[in-house]
C-alpha cells in the first residue's frame, strides 16, 4: 500500500523490552502494519477525543451562561410580580 501523504517528521519514544513486546504483539493481533502506524492512529484518536472534550466544554459553558441569564430574568420578573401584588394590596386597602 502506497503512502498517500509524505511523512518527513519523526518522533521518538523509548520503551522497555516488555513494553515493546506488548506493542508488537498488539500490532500483530489487530492488523496494524507497523508500530509507527499504530502510534500515528493512537495520536489521531487522542487528539480527536481532546477536541471533542474541548468542544463539549465550550457548549456546556455557553449553556451555563444562558441558564444563568434566564435565572436572572426569572428573578427580575418575580420581583416585579411581588411589587405589583404589593401595590394591588395597598390599593385594595384604601
Protein backbone atom coordinates (compact mmCIF):
# COMPACT_ATOMS: atom_id res chain seq x y z
CA UNK A 1 0.00 0.00 0.00
CA UNK A 2 1.44 3.37 -1.03
CA UNK A 3 1.75 6.17 1.48
CA UNK A 4 -0.53 8.96 0.27
CA UNK A 5 0.90 11.68 2.48
CA UNK A 6 4.67 12.12 2.54
CA UNK A 7 5.84 11.79 6.13
CA UNK A 8 9.01 13.71 6.85
CA UNK A 9 8.77 14.42 10.59
CA UNK A 10 9.67 11.90 13.26
CA UNK A 11 9.20 11.49 16.98
CA UNK A 12 10.96 9.09 19.27
CA UNK A 13 9.73 7.11 22.24
CA UNK A 14 11.83 4.85 24.39
CA UNK A 15 10.20 1.61 25.53
CA UNK A 16 11.30 -1.18 27.78
CA UNK A 17 11.73 -4.62 26.20
CA UNK A 18 8.43 -5.68 27.78
CA UNK A 19 6.58 -2.60 26.51
CA UNK A 20 7.97 -3.09 23.01
CA UNK A 21 6.98 -6.76 23.02
CA UNK A 22 3.45 -5.87 24.14
CA UNK A 23 3.11 -3.20 21.45
CA UNK A 24 4.44 -5.55 18.77
CA UNK A 25 2.02 -8.27 19.89
CA UNK A 26 -0.87 -5.78 19.86
CA UNK A 27 0.03 -4.72 16.30
CA UNK A 28 0.07 -8.33 15.13
CA UNK A 29 -3.25 -9.14 16.82
CA UNK A 30 -5.00 -6.04 15.50
CA UNK A 31 -3.69 -5.90 11.96
CA UNK A 32 -1.55 -2.78 12.31
CA UNK A 33 1.07 -2.62 9.56
CA UNK A 34 3.70 -1.28 11.94
CA UNK A 35 4.26 0.22 15.35
CA UNK A 36 4.54 3.61 13.62
CA UNK A 37 1.05 3.19 12.10
CA UNK A 38 -0.32 2.18 15.49
CA UNK A 39 1.30 5.19 17.18
CA UNK A 40 0.03 7.55 14.45
CA UNK A 41 -3.50 6.20 14.81
CA UNK A 42 -3.34 6.44 18.61
CA UNK A 43 -2.22 10.08 18.36
CA UNK A 44 -5.10 10.88 15.97
CA UNK A 45 -7.62 9.22 18.29
CA UNK A 46 -6.21 11.04 21.31
CA UNK A 47 -6.34 14.40 19.54
CA UNK A 48 -9.89 13.80 18.24
CA UNK A 49 -11.09 12.94 21.75
CA UNK A 50 -9.37 16.01 23.19
CA UNK A 51 -11.00 18.23 20.55
CA UNK A 52 -14.42 16.72 21.30
CA UNK A 53 -13.94 17.31 25.03
CA UNK A 54 -12.92 20.93 24.40
CA UNK A 55 -15.97 21.45 22.20
CA UNK A 56 -18.21 19.88 24.85
CA UNK A 57 -16.80 22.21 27.50
CA UNK A 58 -17.48 25.20 25.22
CA UNK A 59 -21.08 24.09 24.66
CA UNK A 60 -21.52 23.45 28.39
CA UNK A 61 -20.09 26.86 29.24
CA UNK A 62 -22.41 28.60 26.76
CA UNK A 63 -25.37 26.64 28.17
CA UNK A 64 -24.40 27.60 31.72
CA UNK A 65 -24.28 31.29 30.74
CA UNK A 66 -27.67 31.02 29.08
CA UNK A 67 -29.21 29.30 32.12
CA UNK A 68 -27.73 31.93 34.42
CA UNK A 69 -29.19 34.72 32.28
CA UNK A 70 -32.61 33.00 32.33
CA UNK A 71 -32.42 32.62 36.11
CA UNK A 72 -31.66 36.34 36.43
CA UNK A 73 -34.63 37.20 34.21
CA UNK A 74 -36.91 34.96 36.29
CA UNK A 75 -35.70 36.65 39.47
CA UNK A 76 -36.44 40.09 37.97
CA UNK A 77 -39.92 39.01 36.87
CA UNK A 78 -40.61 37.52 40.31
CA UNK A 79 -39.59 40.79 41.96
CA UNK A 80 -41.80 42.78 39.58
CA UNK A 81 -44.77 40.48 40.27
CA UNK A 82 -44.23 40.81 44.01
CA UNK A 83 -44.13 44.59 43.68
CA UNK A 84 -47.35 44.57 41.62
CA UNK A 85 -49.06 42.38 44.22
CA UNK A 86 -47.93 44.73 46.99
CA UNK A 87 -49.28 47.72 45.04
CA UNK A 88 -52.56 45.88 44.45
CA UNK A 89 -52.89 45.02 48.17
CA UNK A 90 -52.20 48.62 49.13
CA UNK A 91 -54.77 49.84 46.59
CA UNK A 92 -57.41 47.46 47.92
CA UNK A 93 -56.83 48.67 51.45
CA UNK A 94 -57.51 52.33 50.61
